[in-house]
Structure formats: structure tokens, C-alpha cells
Amino acid sequence: MTKRFYYSEAKQKVSLKNDYSMKDDTFEYIGMVSENEFNLLLDVLLFKYSDKDISLEQIQKCFKDLRTLMSKLKRK
């Protein structure tokens, strides 16, 4: 099951939602992810950025790179 993935650069927090009801304006919609993809993305972000702040652009790039990798793996 996929969920909506949101990120708040100001709060340095991520959120997964089943619906469209993100009531906090500081969160930006990133895309749809499965829970497994989300967990993998969090592992990559933790490894890559450790305790540093992560920008919205960095989250979006990691998400795009993960999507590209997953698509390539599914085609093989």
C-alpha cells in the first residue's frame, strides 16, 4: 500500500499520510511511497546526512534517485 510522503524543512521532519489532509503548512508533498521504500529512503538520508539539516531539494533529489533505482530494479 502506498502513502503520501511529506517533508518539512523547517521542522526537519517527515510524515506519511493515507489521505490528503496535511494540516501543517510547513510540510511539502514529495510523492507516493510504499512503507518499504520510505524506510529505505530514511536509511539513505541518515547515512548520507547524519545529523546535518536536510533541505527540501536534497530530499526531493534522494526521492527521485530512489524512484529511478527502484524502476531499474523492477525492469530486470
C-alpha atoms as a PDB file:
ATOM      1  CA  MET A   1       0.000   0.000   0.000  1.00  0.00           C
ATOM      2  CA  THR A   2       1.348   3.413  -0.905  1.00  0.00           C
ATOM      3  CA  LYS A   3       1.092   6.526   1.192  1.00  0.00           C
ATOM      4  CA  ARG A   4       1.647  10.231   0.648  1.00  0.00           C
ATOM      5  CA  PHE A   5       5.124  11.332   1.721  1.00  0.00           C
ATOM      6  CA  TYR A   6       5.588  14.859   3.126  1.00  0.00           C
ATOM      7  CA  TYR A   7       8.651  16.731   4.379  1.00  0.00           C
ATOM      8  CA  SER A   8       9.061  19.866   6.494  1.00  0.00           C
ATOM      9  CA  GLU A   9      12.422  21.542   6.023  1.00  0.00           C
ATOM     10  CA  ALA A  10      11.672  23.984   8.852  1.00  0.00           C
ATOM     11  CA  LYS A  11      10.932  21.173  11.310  1.00  0.00           C
ATOM     12  CA  GLN A  12      13.319  18.609   9.765  1.00  0.00           C
ATOM     13  CA  LYS A  13      10.539  16.009   9.909  1.00  0.00           C
ATOM     14  CA  VAL A  14       8.890  13.579   7.538  1.00  0.00           C
ATOM     15  CA  SER A  15       5.312  12.368   7.530  1.00  0.00           C
ATOM     16  CA  LEU A  16       3.366   9.585   5.834  1.00  0.00           C
ATOM     17  CA  LYS A  17      -0.358  10.050   5.277  1.00  0.00           C
ATOM     18  CA  ASN A  18      -3.072   7.829   3.832  1.00  0.00           C
ATOM     19  CA  ASP A  19      -5.105  10.825   2.692  1.00  0.00           C
ATOM     20  CA  TYR A  20      -4.707  14.414   1.519  1.00  0.00           C
ATOM     21  CA  SER A  21      -5.258  16.017   4.916  1.00  0.00           C
ATOM     22  CA  MET A  22      -1.918  17.608   5.779  1.00  0.00           C
ATOM     23  CA  LYS A  23      -2.959  20.396   8.110  1.00  0.00           C
ATOM     24  CA  ASP A  24       0.544  21.775   8.716  1.00  0.00           C
ATOM     25  CA  ASP A  25       1.567  24.311   6.051  1.00  0.00           C
ATOM     26  CA  THR A  26       5.281  23.735   6.683  1.00  0.00           C
ATOM     27  CA  PHE A  27       5.088  20.254   5.102  1.00  0.00           C
ATOM     28  CA  GLU A  28       5.628  19.856   1.356  1.00  0.00           C
ATOM     29  CA  TYR A  29       4.279  16.910  -0.636  1.00  0.00           C
ATOM     30  CA  ILE A  30       7.142  14.802  -2.010  1.00  0.00           C
ATOM     31  CA  GLY A  31       5.394  11.823  -3.607  1.00  0.00           C
ATOM     32  CA  MET A  32       3.795   8.426  -3.130  1.00  0.00           C
ATOM     33  CA  VAL A  33       5.853   5.697  -1.445  1.00  0.00           C
ATOM     34  CA  SER A  34       5.380   2.244  -0.040  1.00  0.00           C
ATOM     35  CA  GLU A  35       6.400   1.749   3.566  1.00  0.00           C
ATOM     36  CA  ASN A  36       9.436  -0.267   2.417  1.00  0.00           C
ATOM     37  CA  GLU A  37      10.555   2.491   0.042  1.00  0.00           C
ATOM     38  CA  PHE A  38      10.036   5.043   2.804  1.00  0.00           C
ATOM     39  CA  ASN A  39      12.175   3.042   5.242  1.00  0.00           C
ATOM     40  CA  LEU A  40      14.909   2.650   2.630  1.00  0.00           C
ATOM     41  CA  LEU A  41      14.816   6.386   1.914  1.00  0.00           C
ATOM     42  CA  LEU A  42      15.156   7.170   5.618  1.00  0.00           C
ATOM     43  CA  ASP A  43      18.172   4.835   5.862  1.00  0.00           C
ATOM     44  CA  VAL A  44      19.815   6.554   2.883  1.00  0.00           C
ATOM     45  CA  LEU A  45      19.161  10.015   4.322  1.00  0.00           C
ATOM     46  CA  LEU A  46      20.525   9.051   7.719  1.00  0.00           C
ATOM     47  CA  PHE A  47      23.659   7.559   6.153  1.00  0.00           C
ATOM     48  CA  LYS A  48      24.203  10.467   3.778  1.00  0.00           C
ATOM     49  CA  TYR A  49      23.379  13.440   6.029  1.00  0.00           C
ATOM     50  CA  SER A  50      23.741  12.046   9.561  1.00  0.00           C
ATOM     51  CA  ASP A  51      22.997  14.903  11.979  1.00  0.00           C
ATOM     52  CA  LYS A  52      23.049  17.694   9.372  1.00  0.00           C
ATOM     53  CA  ASP A  53      19.945  19.574   8.298  1.00  0.00           C
ATOM     54  CA  ILE A  54      18.430  18.348   5.035  1.00  0.00           C
ATOM     55  CA  SER A  55      16.991  20.785   2.508  1.00  0.00           C
ATOM     56  CA  LEU A  56      13.789  20.200   0.579  1.00  0.00           C
ATOM     57  CA  GLU A  57      15.848  19.961  -2.612  1.00  0.00           C
ATOM     58  CA  GLN A  58      18.069  17.249  -1.088  1.00  0.00           C
ATOM     59  CA  ILE A  59      15.001  15.239  -0.032  1.00  0.00           C
ATOM     60  CA  GLN A  60      13.500  15.593  -3.500  1.00  0.00           C
ATOM     61  CA  LYS A  61      16.748  14.504  -5.179  1.00  0.00           C
ATOM     62  CA  CYS A  62      17.129  11.447  -2.925  1.00  0.00           C
ATOM     63  CA  PHE A  63      13.487  10.554  -3.541  1.00  0.00           C
ATOM     64  CA  LYS A  64      13.926  10.893  -7.310  1.00  0.00           C
ATOM     65  CA  ASP A  65      17.136   8.827  -7.226  1.00  0.00           C
ATOM     66  CA  LEU A  66      15.409   6.124  -5.178  1.00  0.00           C
ATOM     67  CA  ARG A  67      12.495   6.053  -7.630  1.00  0.00           C
ATOM     68  CA  THR A  68      14.914   5.721 -10.556  1.00  0.00           C
ATOM     69  CA  LEU A  69      16.768   2.866  -8.849  1.00  0.00           C
ATOM     70  CA  MET A  70      13.528   1.059  -7.987  1.00  0.00           C
ATOM     71  CA  SER A  71      12.302   1.371 -11.593  1.00  0.00           C
ATOM     72  CA  LYS A  72      15.568  -0.050 -12.919  1.00  0.00           C
ATOM     73  CA  LEU A  73      15.453  -2.980 -10.488  1.00  0.00           C
ATOM     74  CA  LYS A  74      11.844  -3.788 -11.423  1.00  0.00           C
ATOM     75  CA  ARG A  75      12.726  -3.906 -15.137  1.00  0.00           C
ATOM     76  CA  LYS A  76      15.467  -6.508 -14.674  1.00  0.00           C
END
